Protein backbone atom coordinates (compact mmCIF):
# COMPACT_ATOMS: atom_id res chain seq x y z
CA MET A 1 -81.12 27.42 -4.00
CA THR A 2 -81.34 23.77 -3.03
CA GLU A 3 -82.26 22.53 0.44
CA THR A 4 -78.63 21.48 0.96
CA ASP A 5 -77.39 24.95 -0.02
CA GLY A 6 -79.85 26.47 2.43
CA ARG A 7 -78.56 24.32 5.29
CA PHE A 8 -74.96 25.24 4.51
CA LEU A 9 -75.85 28.95 4.40
CA ALA A 10 -77.70 28.74 7.72
CA LYS A 11 -74.71 26.97 9.26
CA GLU A 12 -72.33 29.64 7.95
CA VAL A 13 -74.53 32.42 9.33
CA GLN A 14 -74.65 30.70 12.73
CA GLN A 15 -70.88 30.20 12.76
CA ALA A 16 -70.35 33.86 11.85
CA GLY A 17 -72.66 34.87 14.70
CA ASP A 18 -70.83 32.61 17.15
CA LEU A 19 -67.49 34.06 16.08
CA GLN A 20 -68.79 37.61 16.43
CA SER A 21 -70.04 36.81 19.94
CA LEU A 22 -66.65 35.35 20.85
CA LEU A 23 -64.84 38.41 19.51
CA ARG A 24 -67.08 40.75 21.47
CA LEU A 25 -66.62 38.82 24.70
CA MET A 26 -62.86 38.81 24.19
CA THR A 27 -62.91 42.57 23.68
CA TRP A 28 -65.35 43.49 26.46
CA LEU A 29 -63.59 41.34 29.06
CA SER A 30 -60.03 41.94 27.91
CA PRO A 31 -57.62 43.53 30.43
CA ALA A 32 -57.23 46.28 27.82
CA PHE A 33 -60.93 47.21 27.93
CA PRO A 34 -61.06 50.50 29.87
CA VAL A 35 -62.98 49.54 33.00
CA GLY A 36 -60.13 50.09 35.46
CA GLY A 37 -60.17 46.55 36.87
CA PHE A 38 -56.41 46.65 37.43
CA ALA A 39 -56.96 49.13 40.27
CA TYR A 40 -58.95 46.71 42.45
CA SER A 41 -58.05 43.56 44.36
CA GLY A 42 -61.41 42.82 45.99
CA GLY A 43 -59.86 42.62 49.45
CA LEU A 44 -57.00 40.37 48.32
CA GLU A 45 -54.38 42.97 49.21
CA ARG A 46 -55.59 42.98 52.80
CA ALA A 47 -55.71 39.18 52.88
CA VAL A 48 -52.07 39.08 51.79
CA ALA A 49 -51.12 41.68 54.41
CA ASP A 50 -52.88 39.63 57.10
CA GLY A 51 -51.18 36.38 56.03
CA LEU A 52 -54.38 34.75 54.79
CA VAL A 53 -52.94 34.32 51.28
CA GLU A 54 -49.21 33.57 51.22
CA ASN A 55 -48.52 31.60 48.04
CA ALA A 56 -49.95 30.32 44.76
CA ASP A 57 -51.99 27.57 46.44
CA GLY A 58 -53.49 30.04 48.87
CA LEU A 59 -54.41 32.34 46.00
CA ARG A 60 -55.98 29.44 44.11
CA GLN A 61 -58.17 28.61 47.08
CA TRP A 62 -59.08 32.28 47.52
CA ILE A 63 -60.16 32.70 43.89
CA ALA A 64 -61.99 29.37 43.74
CA SER A 65 -63.93 30.16 46.91
CA THR A 66 -64.89 33.56 45.55
CA ILE A 67 -66.14 32.05 42.30
CA LEU A 68 -67.95 29.09 43.84
CA ASN A 69 -69.36 30.64 47.01
CA GLY A 70 -68.61 34.36 47.16
CA THR A 71 -68.98 37.59 45.24
CA GLY A 72 -68.07 35.80 42.01
CA TRP A 73 -71.06 33.50 42.38
CA ASN A 74 -73.41 36.39 43.20
CA ASP A 75 -72.14 38.33 40.20
CA ALA A 76 -72.78 35.30 38.01
CA VAL A 77 -76.37 35.04 39.26
CA LEU A 78 -76.91 38.77 38.72
CA MET A 79 -75.50 38.46 35.20
CA ALA A 80 -77.88 35.64 34.37
CA GLU A 81 -80.84 37.67 35.63
CA ALA A 82 -79.70 40.78 33.72
CA MET A 83 -79.64 38.74 30.53
CA ARG A 84 -83.28 37.80 31.10
CA CYS A 85 -84.53 41.32 31.83
CA SER A 86 -86.62 42.76 29.01
CA THR A 87 -87.60 46.21 30.30
CA ALA A 88 -85.88 49.24 31.82
CA GLN A 89 -88.02 48.78 34.94
CA GLU A 90 -86.79 45.23 35.45
CA LEU A 91 -83.19 46.36 34.98
CA ALA A 92 -83.64 49.22 37.46
CA GLY A 93 -84.92 46.80 40.10
CA LEU A 94 -81.98 44.47 39.51
CA VAL A 95 -79.53 47.36 39.75
CA GLU A 96 -80.99 48.33 43.11
CA LEU A 97 -80.63 44.76 44.38
CA ALA A 98 -77.05 44.43 43.10
CA VAL A 99 -76.00 47.68 44.77
CA SER A 100 -77.51 46.54 48.07
CA LEU A 101 -75.34 43.40 48.02
CA ALA A 102 -72.10 45.41 48.20
CA GLY A 103 -70.60 44.46 51.56
CA SER A 104 -68.24 47.41 51.96
CA ALA A 105 -67.72 50.97 50.78
CA GLU A 106 -64.86 49.90 48.52
CA ARG A 107 -66.87 47.07 47.00
CA HIS A 108 -69.65 49.57 46.34
CA ALA A 109 -67.23 51.97 44.62
CA GLU A 110 -65.63 49.12 42.65
CA ILE A 111 -68.77 47.64 41.10
CA LEU A 112 -70.23 51.04 40.23
CA GLY A 113 -66.98 52.48 38.92
CA MET A 114 -66.30 49.50 36.68
CA GLY A 115 -69.93 49.35 35.58
CA ARG A 116 -69.94 53.02 34.64
CA ALA A 117 -66.70 52.65 32.67
CA PHE A 118 -67.97 49.52 30.91
CA LEU A 119 -71.16 51.19 29.72
CA GLU A 120 -69.26 54.21 28.46
CA ALA A 121 -66.87 52.04 26.45
CA ALA A 122 -69.70 49.78 25.22
CA GLN A 123 -71.18 52.75 23.37
CA ALA A 124 -68.94 51.60 20.50
CA TRP A 125 -71.54 48.81 20.03
CA PRO A 126 -74.77 50.88 19.88
CA HIS A 127 -77.86 49.18 21.27
CA PRO A 128 -81.09 50.40 22.96
CA VAL A 129 -80.16 48.51 26.14
CA LEU A 130 -77.48 51.12 26.86
CA SER A 131 -80.09 53.82 27.31
CA ALA A 132 -82.28 51.48 29.38
CA LEU A 133 -79.58 50.99 32.02
CA PRO A 134 -78.99 53.56 34.79
CA LYS A 135 -75.64 55.32 34.59
CA GLU A 136 -74.79 53.91 38.02
CA THR A 137 -75.09 50.22 37.13
CA PRO A 138 -72.99 47.55 38.88
CA TYR A 139 -70.44 45.89 36.64
CA ALA A 140 -71.97 42.39 36.57
CA VAL A 141 -75.42 43.73 35.68
CA ALA A 142 -73.97 45.98 32.98
CA VAL A 143 -72.02 43.16 31.33
CA GLY A 144 -74.95 40.75 31.58
CA ALA A 145 -77.47 43.17 30.12
CA VAL A 146 -75.23 44.15 27.21
CA ALA A 147 -74.18 40.56 26.47
CA GLY A 148 -77.79 39.40 26.57
CA ALA A 149 -78.90 42.21 24.28
CA HIS A 150 -76.32 41.09 21.73
CA GLY A 151 -77.60 37.51 21.78
CA ILE A 152 -74.67 35.93 23.60
CA SER A 153 -75.52 32.79 25.56
CA PRO A 154 -75.56 33.11 29.38
CA GLU A 155 -73.14 30.22 29.90
CA LYS A 156 -70.52 31.70 27.56
CA ALA A 157 -70.92 35.25 28.87
CA ILE A 158 -70.74 34.20 32.52
CA GLY A 159 -67.80 31.89 31.86
CA ALA A 160 -65.88 34.69 30.16
CA PHE A 161 -66.77 37.10 32.96
CA LEU A 162 -65.57 34.71 35.69
CA ASN A 163 -62.40 33.95 33.75
CA ALA A 164 -61.68 37.68 33.57
CA LEU A 165 -62.37 37.94 37.31
CA ALA A 166 -59.88 35.15 38.01
CA SER A 167 -57.30 36.70 35.68
CA GLN A 168 -57.65 40.03 37.47
CA ALA A 169 -57.10 38.35 40.84
CA VAL A 170 -54.03 36.50 39.53
CA SER A 171 -52.64 39.75 38.16
CA ALA A 172 -53.16 41.35 41.57
CA GLY A 173 -51.43 38.38 43.21
CA ILE A 174 -48.41 38.82 40.94
CA ARG A 175 -48.20 42.51 41.79
CA LEU A 176 -48.42 41.61 45.48
CA SER A 177 -45.51 39.14 45.05
CA VAL A 178 -47.63 36.13 46.02
CA LEU A 179 -46.62 34.22 42.87
CA GLY A 180 -44.82 34.59 39.56
CA GLN A 181 -46.22 34.84 36.04
CA ARG A 182 -45.68 31.18 35.15
CA GLN A 183 -47.39 30.12 38.36
CA GLY A 184 -50.20 32.51 37.49
CA VAL A 185 -50.77 30.84 34.13
CA ALA A 186 -50.80 27.40 35.75
CA LEU A 187 -53.22 28.67 38.39
CA LEU A 188 -55.66 29.89 35.74
CA SER A 189 -55.44 26.53 34.01
CA GLY A 190 -56.35 24.82 37.26
CA LEU A 191 -59.39 27.05 37.75
CA GLU A 192 -61.02 26.17 34.44
CA HIS A 193 -63.23 23.45 35.93
CA ALA A 194 -64.52 25.70 38.72
CA ILE A 195 -65.21 28.51 36.26
CA ALA A 196 -67.01 26.25 33.77
CA ALA A 197 -69.07 24.54 36.47
CA THR A 198 -70.10 27.86 38.01
CA ALA A 199 -71.01 29.34 34.63
CA GLN A 200 -73.16 26.34 33.81
CA ARG A 201 -74.88 26.40 37.20
CA ALA A 202 -75.40 30.15 37.19
CA SER A 203 -76.84 30.20 33.67
CA GLY A 204 -79.90 28.38 35.02
CA SER A 205 -80.04 30.19 38.37
CA ALA A 206 -82.63 32.54 39.84
CA LEU A 207 -82.32 35.41 42.31
CA ASP A 208 -83.25 33.02 45.11
CA ASP A 209 -79.84 31.40 44.53
CA LEU A 210 -77.97 34.53 45.64
CA GLY A 211 -75.83 34.02 48.72
CA SER A 212 -72.25 34.23 49.91
CA ALA A 213 -70.27 32.08 52.36
CA THR A 214 -66.81 33.66 52.08
CA ILE A 215 -66.73 35.48 55.40
CA LEU A 216 -62.96 36.03 55.52
CA ALA A 217 -63.01 37.59 52.07
CA GLU A 218 -65.79 39.95 53.12
CA ILE A 219 -63.90 40.92 56.27
CA SER A 220 -60.71 41.49 54.28
CA ALA A 221 -62.59 43.77 51.89
CA ILE A 222 -63.84 45.82 54.84
CA ARG A 223 -60.47 45.92 56.60
CA HIS A 224 -58.78 47.13 53.43
CA GLU A 225 -60.61 50.45 53.83
CA THR A 226 -58.34 51.33 56.76
CA GLN A 227 -55.10 49.96 55.33
CA PRO A 228 -52.63 52.90 55.39
CA VAL A 229 -50.27 51.78 52.59
CA ARG A 230 -51.72 50.00 49.59
CA LEU A 231 -51.41 49.35 45.85
CA PHE A 232 -55.11 48.83 45.15
CA ARG A 233 -58.35 50.73 45.69
CA SER A 234 -60.10 47.69 47.21
C-alpha cells in the first residue's frame, strides 16, 4: 500500500465514522425514539394558559431564552461534563448534581423519566457506559454519557440535543394552537444560530458555568403542577 493509498483509506474510515455518528444522533434524538418527550412541555402549556406565549414570535423568544439562559443551557453544560466523565463515580456525582437542579416536581419527573427511557432504548447499542450509569439518570446526562462513549464530538451531540429540545417545544406549541406547522418549520430555521452558538459555547464549558435566568419559565413549570385541565405532564 502506498502512502497515498493509506491517506485515502484513513479518510474513508474517518468519513464512515462521522456518518455513523450522525446516524446515531439522528436516531437517538428522533421524535420516534421512545423517550416520551411528546408528553412534556416544560411549563410551556402553563405559559400559554397565562398569556405569556400567544403566537409564533412569543414561542420563538421562549425557546431561545430557554436554550441561551435557561434549562436548555444547563442541560448543555451537563451534557458536556457527562461526555468528559471517565468513571462510574464521576457519573454518579454528576447525576446527583443534575437531579438537584430540577426546579419543580414535574421537571424532576420529566428528566428522570426521559433519562430512564433513553437508557433502556440505548441498550440496542451495547456499551459498558450503560452499566456505569444509575438507572435514575437525568436525560441530559444520559445522552451526554452515551454520546461521549461512542466518540461523538460534544459540539455535534449538544447541537443535536438542543435542536431536538427546540423541535419538541415547537411541536407542543402546535398542539397548543400557538402556531401552525409551516410557522413551526420557519421558527426552527430561525433558531439555528442560537442552537449552534450555544452548542459551541457549552462544548467548552465547565460546571461553574451552570446557571439559569429564565424566572418566568421556572414559575410556569411550577404553576403547571396545579393546572386542572392539561394536555402535557409538565
